[in-house]
PDB file of all heavy atoms in Angstrom:
ATOM      1  N   VAL A   1       0.854  -1.183  -0.014  1.00  0.00           N
ATOM      2  CA  VAL A   1       0.002  -0.039  -0.013  1.00  0.00           C
ATOM      3  C   VAL A   1       0.867   1.225   0.007  1.00  0.00           C
ATOM      4  O   VAL A   1       1.998   1.239   0.409  1.00  0.00           O
ATOM      5  CB  VAL A   1      -0.966   0.024   1.210  1.00  0.00           C
ATOM      6  CG1 VAL A   1      -1.830  -1.192   1.185  1.00  0.00           C
ATOM      7  CG2 VAL A   1      -0.215   0.078   2.535  1.00  0.00           C
ATOM      8  N   SER A   2       0.257   2.295  -0.461  1.00  0.00           N
ATOM      9  CA  SER A   2       1.032   3.522  -0.482  1.00  0.00           C
ATOM     10  C   SER A   2       1.378   3.978   0.963  1.00  0.00           C
ATOM     11  O   SER A   2       0.445   4.050   1.830  1.00  0.00           O
ATOM     12  CB  SER A   2       0.234   4.682  -1.114  1.00  0.00           C
ATOM     13  OG  SER A   2       0.974   5.926  -1.131  1.00  0.00           O
ATOM     14  N   PRO A   3       2.580   4.308   1.297  1.00  0.00           N
ATOM     15  CA  PRO A   3       2.957   4.722   2.627  1.00  0.00           C
ATOM     16  C   PRO A   3       2.643   6.223   2.946  1.00  0.00           C
ATOM     17  O   PRO A   3       2.665   6.602   4.073  1.00  0.00           O
ATOM     18  CB  PRO A   3       4.516   4.524   2.700  1.00  0.00           C
ATOM     19  CG  PRO A   3       4.901   4.724   1.266  1.00  0.00           C
ATOM     20  CD  PRO A   3       3.774   4.194   0.397  1.00  0.00           C
ATOM     21  N   VAL A   4       2.222   6.936   1.945  1.00  0.00           N
ATOM     22  CA  VAL A   4       1.927   8.399   2.032  1.00  0.00           C
ATOM     23  C   VAL A   4       0.802   8.810   1.169  1.00  0.00           C
ATOM     24  O   VAL A   4       0.420   8.066   0.172  1.00  0.00           O
ATOM     25  CB  VAL A   4       3.200   9.197   1.675  1.00  0.00           C
ATOM     26  CG1 VAL A   4       4.267   9.012   2.782  1.00  0.00           C
ATOM     27  CG2 VAL A   4       3.686   8.883   0.290  1.00  0.00           C
ATOM     28  N   ASP A   5       0.279   9.978   1.370  1.00  0.00           N
ATOM     29  CA  ASP A   5      -0.689  10.621   0.449  1.00  0.00           C
ATOM     30  C   ASP A   5       0.321  11.466  -0.508  1.00  0.00           C
ATOM     31  O   ASP A   5       1.292  12.090  -0.034  1.00  0.00           O
ATOM     32  CB  ASP A   5      -1.510  11.630   1.183  1.00  0.00           C
ATOM     33  CG  ASP A   5      -2.681  11.003   1.824  1.00  0.00           C
ATOM     34  OD1 ASP A   5      -2.752   9.781   1.938  1.00  0.00           O
ATOM     35  OD2 ASP A   5      -3.572  11.771   2.308  1.00  0.00           O
ATOM     36  N   GLY A   6       0.051  11.374  -1.733  1.00  0.00           N
ATOM     37  CA  GLY A   6       0.925  12.197  -2.724  1.00  0.00           C
ATOM     38  C   GLY A   6       0.685  11.840  -4.105  1.00  0.00           C
ATOM     39  O   GLY A   6      -0.389  11.392  -4.501  1.00  0.00           O
ATOM     40  N   ARG A   7       1.691  12.020  -4.871  1.00  0.00           N
ATOM     41  CA  ARG A   7       1.633  11.733  -6.366  1.00  0.00           C
ATOM     42  C   ARG A   7       2.781  10.884  -6.767  1.00  0.00           C
ATOM     43  O   ARG A   7       3.925  11.065  -6.365  1.00  0.00           O
ATOM     44  CB  ARG A   7       1.700  13.084  -7.114  1.00  0.00           C
ATOM     45  CG  ARG A   7       1.540  12.972  -8.599  1.00  0.00           C
ATOM     46  CD  ARG A   7       1.517  14.318  -9.352  1.00  0.00           C
ATOM     47  NE  ARG A   7       2.815  14.940  -9.256  1.00  0.00           N
ATOM     48  CZ  ARG A   7       3.067  16.037  -8.658  1.00  0.00           C
ATOM     49  NH1 ARG A   7       2.086  16.648  -7.916  1.00  0.00           N
ATOM     50  NH2 ARG A   7       4.278  16.677  -8.699  1.00  0.00           N
ATOM     51  N   CYS A   8       2.538   9.871  -7.577  1.00  0.00           N
ATOM     52  CA  CYS A   8       3.528   8.995  -8.017  1.00  0.00           C
ATOM     53  C   CYS A   8       4.240   9.759  -9.180  1.00  0.00           C
ATOM     54  O   CYS A   8       3.713   9.941 -10.278  1.00  0.00           O
ATOM     55  CB  CYS A   8       2.895   7.713  -8.553  1.00  0.00           C
ATOM     56  SG  CYS A   8       4.252   6.567  -9.180  1.00  0.00           S
ATOM     57  N   GLU A   9       5.488  10.195  -8.904  1.00  0.00           N
ATOM     58  CA  GLU A   9       6.190  11.004  -9.890  1.00  0.00           C
ATOM     59  C   GLU A   9       6.806  10.120 -10.911  1.00  0.00           C
ATOM     60  O   GLU A   9       6.998  10.566 -12.096  1.00  0.00           O
ATOM     61  CB  GLU A   9       7.303  11.723  -9.117  1.00  0.00           C
ATOM     62  CG  GLU A   9       6.870  13.002  -8.466  1.00  0.00           C
ATOM     63  CD  GLU A   9       6.614  14.176  -9.378  1.00  0.00           C
ATOM     64  OE1 GLU A   9       7.582  14.647 -10.028  1.00  0.00           O
ATOM     65  OE2 GLU A   9       5.415  14.519  -9.514  1.00  0.00           O
ATOM     66  N   GLU A  10       7.280   8.932 -10.581  1.00  0.00           N
ATOM     67  CA  GLU A  10       8.030   8.090 -11.581  1.00  0.00           C
ATOM     68  C   GLU A  10       8.128   6.683 -11.044  1.00  0.00           C
ATOM     69  O   GLU A  10       8.129   6.332  -9.822  1.00  0.00           O
ATOM     70  CB  GLU A  10       9.436   8.631 -11.559  1.00  0.00           C
ATOM     71  CG  GLU A  10      10.323   8.027 -12.718  1.00  0.00           C
ATOM     72  CD  GLU A  10      10.287   8.964 -13.986  1.00  0.00           C
ATOM     73  OE1 GLU A  10      10.194  10.106 -13.823  1.00  0.00           O
ATOM     74  OE2 GLU A  10      10.504   8.345 -15.075  1.00  0.00           O
ATOM     75  N   THR A  11       8.006   5.749 -11.971  1.00  0.00           N
ATOM     76  CA  THR A  11       8.239   4.349 -11.675  1.00  0.00           C
ATOM     77  C   THR A  11       9.132   3.784 -12.806  1.00  0.00           C
ATOM     78  O   THR A  11       9.163   4.325 -13.891  1.00  0.00           O
ATOM     79  CB  THR A  11       6.972   3.482 -11.667  1.00  0.00           C
ATOM     80  OG1 THR A  11       6.363   3.498 -12.952  1.00  0.00           O
ATOM     81  CG2 THR A  11       5.917   4.068 -10.680  1.00  0.00           C
ATOM     82  N   GLY A  12       9.830   2.717 -12.583  1.00  0.00           N
ATOM     83  CA  GLY A  12      10.678   2.094 -13.601  1.00  0.00           C
ATOM     84  C   GLY A  12      11.539   0.977 -13.080  1.00  0.00           C
ATOM     85  O   GLY A  12      11.564   0.665 -11.923  1.00  0.00           O
ATOM     86  N   THR A  13      12.242   0.425 -13.994  1.00  0.00           N
ATOM     87  CA  THR A  13      13.076  -0.669 -13.802  1.00  0.00           C
ATOM     88  C   THR A  13      14.512  -0.192 -13.502  1.00  0.00           C
ATOM     89  O   THR A  13      15.028   0.734 -14.229  1.00  0.00           O
ATOM     90  CB  THR A  13      13.135  -1.654 -14.947  1.00  0.00           C
ATOM     91  OG1 THR A  13      11.819  -2.192 -15.179  1.00  0.00           O
ATOM     92  CG2 THR A  13      14.048  -2.901 -14.609  1.00  0.00           C
ATOM     93  N   ILE A  14      15.217  -0.696 -12.432  1.00  0.00           N
ATOM     94  CA  ILE A  14      16.577  -0.298 -12.145  1.00  0.00           C
ATOM     95  C   ILE A  14      17.467  -1.033 -13.125  1.00  0.00           C
ATOM     96  O   ILE A  14      17.402  -2.230 -13.273  1.00  0.00           O
ATOM     97  CB  ILE A  14      16.883  -0.714 -10.755  1.00  0.00           C
ATOM     98  CG1 ILE A  14      15.932   0.027  -9.677  1.00  0.00           C
ATOM     99  CG2 ILE A  14      18.325  -0.331 -10.468  1.00  0.00           C
ATOM    100  CD1 ILE A  14      16.039  -0.437  -8.345  1.00  0.00           C
ATOM    101  N   ASN A  15      18.210  -0.254 -13.922  1.00  0.00           N
ATOM    102  CA  ASN A  15      18.973  -0.843 -15.034  1.00  0.00           C
ATOM    103  C   ASN A  15      20.292  -1.534 -14.535  1.00  0.00           C
ATOM    104  O   ASN A  15      20.521  -1.560 -13.276  1.00  0.00           O
ATOM    105  CB  ASN A  15      19.239   0.152 -16.093  1.00  0.00           C
ATOM    106  CG  ASN A  15      20.160   1.299 -15.605  1.00  0.00           C
ATOM    107  OD1 ASN A  15      20.945   1.181 -14.690  1.00  0.00           O
ATOM    108  ND2 ASN A  15      20.041   2.523 -16.192  1.00  0.00           N
ATOM    109  N   GLU A  16      21.091  -2.038 -15.411  1.00  0.00           N
ATOM    110  CA  GLU A  16      22.311  -2.714 -15.046  1.00  0.00           C
ATOM    111  C   GLU A  16      23.313  -1.869 -14.297  1.00  0.00           C
ATOM    112  O   GLU A  16      24.078  -2.384 -13.509  1.00  0.00           O
ATOM    113  CB  GLU A  16      22.976  -3.238 -16.376  1.00  0.00           C
ATOM    114  CG  GLU A  16      22.160  -4.371 -16.997  1.00  0.00           C
ATOM    115  CD  GLU A  16      22.796  -4.946 -18.287  1.00  0.00           C
ATOM    116  OE1 GLU A  16      23.882  -4.405 -18.622  1.00  0.00           O
ATOM    117  OE2 GLU A  16      22.248  -5.882 -18.842  1.00  0.00           O
ATOM    118  N   GLU A  17      23.226  -0.548 -14.473  1.00  0.00           N
ATOM    119  CA  GLU A  17      24.072   0.383 -13.751  1.00  0.00           C
ATOM    120  C   GLU A  17      23.475   0.734 -12.450  1.00  0.00           C
ATOM    121  O   GLU A  17      24.010   1.662 -11.776  1.00  0.00           O
ATOM    122  CB  GLU A  17      24.389   1.678 -14.565  1.00  0.00           C
ATOM    123  CG  GLU A  17      25.390   1.481 -15.717  1.00  0.00           C
ATOM    124  CD  GLU A  17      24.717   0.681 -16.913  1.00  0.00           C
ATOM    125  OE1 GLU A  17      23.567   0.957 -17.217  1.00  0.00           O
ATOM    126  OE2 GLU A  17      25.417  -0.136 -17.505  1.00  0.00           O
ATOM    127  N   THR A  18      22.424   0.048 -12.060  1.00  0.00           N
ATOM    128  CA  THR A  18      21.673   0.419 -10.842  1.00  0.00           C
ATOM    129  C   THR A  18      21.411   1.883 -10.638  1.00  0.00           C
ATOM    130  O   THR A  18      21.749   2.513  -9.680  1.00  0.00           O
ATOM    131  CB  THR A  18      22.387  -0.198  -9.565  1.00  0.00           C
ATOM    132  OG1 THR A  18      23.733   0.402  -9.487  1.00  0.00           O
ATOM    133  CG2 THR A  18      22.494  -1.623  -9.611  1.00  0.00           C
ATOM    134  N   SER A  19      20.772   2.482 -11.667  1.00  0.00           N
ATOM    135  CA  SER A  19      20.419   3.818 -11.593  1.00  0.00           C
ATOM    136  C   SER A  19      19.004   4.053 -12.153  1.00  0.00           C
ATOM    137  O   SER A  19      18.457   3.181 -12.740  1.00  0.00           O
ATOM    138  CB  SER A  19      21.377   4.713 -12.519  1.00  0.00           C
ATOM    139  OG  SER A  19      21.341   4.305 -13.841  1.00  0.00           O
ATOM    140  N   PHE A  20      18.407   5.197 -11.903  1.00  0.00           N
ATOM    141  CA  PHE A  20      17.114   5.484 -12.406  1.00  0.00           C
ATOM    142  C   PHE A  20      17.055   7.014 -12.817  1.00  0.00           C
ATOM    143  O   PHE A  20      17.895   7.801 -12.332  1.00  0.00           O
ATOM    144  CB  PHE A  20      16.008   5.137 -11.469  1.00  0.00           C
ATOM    145  CG  PHE A  20      16.134   5.642 -10.171  1.00  0.00           C
ATOM    146  CD1 PHE A  20      15.729   6.995  -9.827  1.00  0.00           C
ATOM    147  CD2 PHE A  20      16.717   4.929  -9.090  1.00  0.00           C
ATOM    148  CE1 PHE A  20      15.786   7.519  -8.476  1.00  0.00           C
ATOM    149  CE2 PHE A  20      16.764   5.484  -7.820  1.00  0.00           C
ATOM    150  CZ  PHE A  20      16.440   6.753  -7.553  1.00  0.00           C
ATOM    151  N   VAL A  21      16.092   7.355 -13.642  1.00  0.00           N
ATOM    152  CA  VAL A  21      15.969   8.724 -14.078  1.00  0.00           C
ATOM    153  C   VAL A  21      14.760   9.444 -13.429  1.00  0.00           C
ATOM    154  O   VAL A  21      13.663   8.922 -13.336  1.00  0.00           O
ATOM    155  CB  VAL A  21      15.802   8.765 -15.662  1.00  0.00           C
ATOM    156  CG1 VAL A  21      15.603  10.206 -16.094  1.00  0.00           C
ATOM    157  CG2 VAL A  21      16.910   8.128 -16.296  1.00  0.00           C
ATOM    158  N   VAL A  22      15.047  10.617 -12.912  1.00  0.00           N
ATOM    159  CA  VAL A  22      13.984  11.493 -12.298  1.00  0.00           C
ATOM    160  C   VAL A  22      14.075  12.899 -12.925  1.00  0.00           C
ATOM    161  O   VAL A  22      15.155  13.530 -12.819  1.00  0.00           O
ATOM    162  CB  VAL A  22      14.241  11.588 -10.692  1.00  0.00           C
ATOM    163  CG1 VAL A  22      13.160  12.512 -10.072  1.00  0.00           C
ATOM    164  CG2 VAL A  22      14.210  10.266 -10.127  1.00  0.00           C
ATOM    165  N   LYS A  23      13.037  13.278 -13.555  1.00  0.00           N
ATOM    166  CA  LYS A  23      13.052  14.602 -14.136  1.00  0.00           C
ATOM    167  C   LYS A  23      14.193  14.848 -15.109  1.00  0.00           C
ATOM    168  O   LYS A  23      14.778  15.943 -15.043  1.00  0.00           O
ATOM    169  CB  LYS A  23      12.915  15.701 -13.082  1.00  0.00           C
ATOM    170  CG  LYS A  23      11.666  15.638 -12.220  1.00  0.00           C
ATOM    171  CD  LYS A  23      10.391  15.880 -13.037  1.00  0.00           C
ATOM    172  CE  LYS A  23       9.197  15.829 -12.137  1.00  0.00           C
ATOM    173  NZ  LYS A  23       7.947  16.076 -12.942  1.00  0.00           N
ATOM    174  N   GLY A  24      14.544  13.850 -15.830  1.00  0.00           N
ATOM    175  CA  GLY A  24      15.585  14.005 -16.767  1.00  0.00           C
ATOM    176  C   GLY A  24      17.072  13.805 -16.266  1.00  0.00           C
ATOM    177  O   GLY A  24      17.952  13.942 -17.006  1.00  0.00           O
ATOM    178  N   GLN A  25      17.151  13.594 -14.953  1.00  0.00           N
ATOM    179  CA  GLN A  25      18.491  13.392 -14.368  1.00  0.00           C
ATOM    180  C   GLN A  25      18.628  11.961 -13.905  1.00  0.00           C
ATOM    181  O   GLN A  25      17.654  11.277 -13.590  1.00  0.00           O
ATOM    182  CB  GLN A  25      18.626  14.323 -13.170  1.00  0.00           C
ATOM    183  CG  GLN A  25      18.754  15.752 -13.541  1.00  0.00           C
ATOM    184  CD  GLN A  25      19.281  16.661 -12.398  1.00  0.00           C
ATOM    185  OE1 GLN A  25      20.088  16.228 -11.645  1.00  0.00           O
ATOM    186  NE2 GLN A  25      18.810  17.847 -12.308  1.00  0.00           N
ATOM    187  N   THR A  26      19.862  11.445 -13.972  1.00  0.00           N
ATOM    188  CA  THR A  26      20.117  10.082 -13.617  1.00  0.00           C
ATOM    189  C   THR A  26      20.746  10.089 -12.266  1.00  0.00           C
ATOM    190  O   THR A  26      21.579  10.795 -11.887  1.00  0.00           O
ATOM    191  CB  THR A  26      21.162   9.471 -14.601  1.00  0.00           C
ATOM    192  OG1 THR A  26      20.557   9.448 -15.907  1.00  0.00           O
ATOM    193  CG2 THR A  26      21.441   7.994 -14.252  1.00  0.00           C
ATOM    194  N   TYR A  27      20.227   9.194 -11.439  1.00  0.00           N
ATOM    195  CA  TYR A  27      20.610   9.011 -10.023  1.00  0.00           C
ATOM    196  C   TYR A  27      21.077   7.605  -9.838  1.00  0.00           C
ATOM    197  O   TYR A  27      20.358   6.639 -10.070  1.00  0.00           O
ATOM    198  CB  TYR A  27      19.486   9.307  -9.071  1.00  0.00           C
ATOM    199  CG  TYR A  27      18.967  10.732  -9.199  1.00  0.00           C
ATOM    200  CD1 TYR A  27      17.968  10.958 -10.072  1.00  0.00           C
ATOM    201  CD2 TYR A  27      19.550  11.734  -8.545  1.00  0.00           C
ATOM    202  CE1 TYR A  27      17.481  12.308 -10.259  1.00  0.00           C
ATOM    203  CE2 TYR A  27      19.081  13.063  -8.685  1.00  0.00           C
ATOM    204  CZ  TYR A  27      18.088  13.376  -9.579  1.00  0.00           C
ATOM    205  OH  TYR A  27      17.629  14.602  -9.744  1.00  0.00           O
ATOM    206  N   LYS A  28      22.304   7.429  -9.339  1.00  0.00           N
ATOM    207  CA  LYS A  28      22.847   6.105  -9.062  1.00  0.00           C
ATOM    208  C   LYS A  28      22.186   5.613  -7.760  1.00  0.00           C
ATOM    209  O   LYS A  28      22.185   6.310  -6.743  1.00  0.00           O
ATOM    210  CB  LYS A  28      24.359   6.203  -8.902  1.00  0.00           C
ATOM    211  CG  LYS A  28      25.075   6.593 -10.157  1.00  0.00           C
ATOM    212  CD  LYS A  28      24.974   5.485 -11.243  1.00  0.00           C
ATOM    213  CE  LYS A  28      25.869   5.839 -12.445  1.00  0.00           C
ATOM    214  NZ  LYS A  28      25.748   4.827 -13.458  1.00  0.00           N
ATOM    215  N   ILE A  29      21.821   4.358  -7.752  1.00  0.00           N
ATOM    216  CA  ILE A  29      21.305   3.693  -6.531  1.00  0.00           C
ATOM    217  C   ILE A  29      22.394   3.669  -5.471  1.00  0.00           C
ATOM    218  O   ILE A  29      22.139   3.842  -4.217  1.00  0.00           O
ATOM    219  CB  ILE A  29      20.778   2.295  -6.835  1.00  0.00           C
ATOM    220  CG1 ILE A  29      19.634   2.410  -7.878  1.00  0.00           C
ATOM    221  CG2 ILE A  29      20.205   1.620  -5.536  1.00  0.00           C
ATOM    222  CD1 ILE A  29      18.443   3.208  -7.421  1.00  0.00           C
ATOM    223  N   GLY A  30      23.648   3.506  -5.876  1.00  0.00           N
ATOM    224  CA  GLY A  30      24.720   3.436  -4.992  1.00  0.00           C
ATOM    225  C   GLY A  30      24.852   4.690  -4.170  1.00  0.00           C
ATOM    226  O   GLY A  30      25.163   4.715  -2.981  1.00  0.00           O
ATOM    227  N   GLU A  31      24.600   5.865  -4.881  1.00  0.00           N
ATOM    228  CA  GLU A  31      24.678   7.184  -4.190  1.00  0.00           C
ATOM    229  C   GLU A  31      23.463   7.296  -3.137  1.00  0.00           C
ATOM    230  O   GLU A  31      23.663   7.832  -2.131  1.00  0.00           O
ATOM    231  CB  GLU A  31      24.617   8.288  -5.203  1.00  0.00           C
ATOM    232  CG  GLU A  31      25.874   8.367  -6.101  1.00  0.00           C
ATOM    233  CD  GLU A  31      25.701   9.404  -7.234  1.00  0.00           C
ATOM    234  OE1 GLU A  31      24.520   9.763  -7.586  1.00  0.00           O
ATOM    235  OE2 GLU A  31      26.711   9.873  -7.685  1.00  0.00           O
ATOM    236  N   MET A  32      22.321   6.821  -3.641  1.00  0.00           N
ATOM    237  CA  MET A  32      21.171   6.935  -2.798  1.00  0.00           C
ATOM    238  C   MET A  32      21.300   6.186  -1.481  1.00  0.00           C
ATOM    239  O   MET A  32      20.998   6.643  -0.437  1.00  0.00           O
ATOM    240  CB  MET A  32      19.948   6.467  -3.571  1.00  0.00           C
ATOM    241  CG  MET A  32      18.666   6.577  -2.846  1.00  0.00           C
ATOM    242  SD  MET A  32      18.166   8.269  -2.483  1.00  0.00           S
ATOM    243  CE  MET A  32      17.756   8.763  -4.160  1.00  0.00           C
ATOM    244  N   LEU A  33      21.802   4.913  -1.678  1.00  0.00           N
ATOM    245  CA  LEU A  33      21.918   4.068  -0.480  1.00  0.00           C
ATOM    246  C   LEU A  33      23.259   4.229   0.174  1.00  0.00           C
ATOM    247  O   LEU A  33      23.484   3.677   1.283  1.00  0.00           O
ATOM    248  CB  LEU A  33      21.739   2.583  -0.975  1.00  0.00           C
ATOM    249  CG  LEU A  33      20.414   2.242  -1.602  1.00  0.00           C
ATOM    250  CD1 LEU A  33      20.387   0.716  -1.974  1.00  0.00           C
ATOM    251  CD2 LEU A  33      19.273   2.528  -0.732  1.00  0.00           C
ATOM    252  N   GLN A  34      24.167   4.906  -0.488  1.00  0.00           N
ATOM    253  CA  GLN A  34      25.562   5.098   0.018  1.00  0.00           C
ATOM    254  C   GLN A  34      26.195   3.718   0.304  1.00  0.00           C
ATOM    255  O   GLN A  34      27.006   3.568   1.231  1.00  0.00           O
ATOM    256  CB  GLN A  34      25.613   5.948   1.323  1.00  0.00           C
ATOM    257  CG  GLN A  34      26.873   6.798   1.434  1.00  0.00           C
ATOM    258  CD  GLN A  34      26.736   7.901   2.429  1.00  0.00           C
ATOM    259  OE1 GLN A  34      25.949   8.748   2.290  1.00  0.00           O
ATOM    260  NE2 GLN A  34      27.552   7.846   3.519  1.00  0.00           N
ATOM    261  N   SER A  35      25.911   2.814  -0.636  1.00  0.00           N
ATOM    262  CA  SER A  35      26.468   1.468  -0.519  1.00  0.00           C
ATOM    263  C   SER A  35      26.382   0.797  -1.881  1.00  0.00           C
ATOM    264  O   SER A  35      25.254   0.429  -2.332  1.00  0.00           O
ATOM    265  CB  SER A  35      25.797   0.629   0.582  1.00  0.00           C
ATOM    266  OG  SER A  35      26.187  -0.720   0.485  1.00  0.00           O
ATOM    267  N   LYS A  36      27.469   0.558  -2.565  1.00  0.00           N
ATOM    268  CA  LYS A  36      27.496  -0.156  -3.835  1.00  0.00           C
ATOM    269  C   LYS A  36      27.064  -1.546  -3.722  1.00  0.00           C
ATOM    270  O   LYS A  36      26.377  -2.212  -4.546  1.00  0.00           O
ATOM    271  CB  LYS A  36      28.853  -0.068  -4.493  1.00  0.00           C
ATOM    272  CG  LYS A  36      29.242   1.316  -4.973  1.00  0.00           C
ATOM    273  CD  LYS A  36      30.567   1.287  -5.711  1.00  0.00           C
ATOM    274  CE  LYS A  36      30.951   2.708  -6.282  1.00  0.00           C
ATOM    275  NZ  LYS A  36      32.247   2.662  -6.983  1.00  0.00           N
ATOM    276  N   GLU A  37      27.445  -2.141  -2.569  1.00  0.00           N
ATOM    277  CA  GLU A  37      27.089  -3.637  -2.322  1.00  0.00           C
ATOM    278  C   GLU A  37      25.536  -3.766  -2.187  1.00  0.00           C
ATOM    279  O   GLU A  37      25.040  -4.626  -2.800  1.00  0.00           O
ATOM    280  CB  GLU A  37      27.812  -4.087  -1.038  1.00  0.00           C
ATOM    281  CG  GLU A  37      27.530  -5.488  -0.735  1.00  0.00           C
ATOM    282  CD  GLU A  37      28.228  -6.008   0.521  1.00  0.00           C
ATOM    283  OE1 GLU A  37      28.997  -5.197   1.118  1.00  0.00           O
ATOM    284  OE2 GLU A  37      27.972  -7.142   0.953  1.00  0.00           O
TER     285      GLU A  37
END
């Protein structure tokens, strides 16, 4: 279930580089989690 009230901005598959795109910018999952492992 949705954990919040809001708007779904983006959904997608995490690619081989473990990154995703938000508003035209690419974000590395490793940066988000601060752990490449």
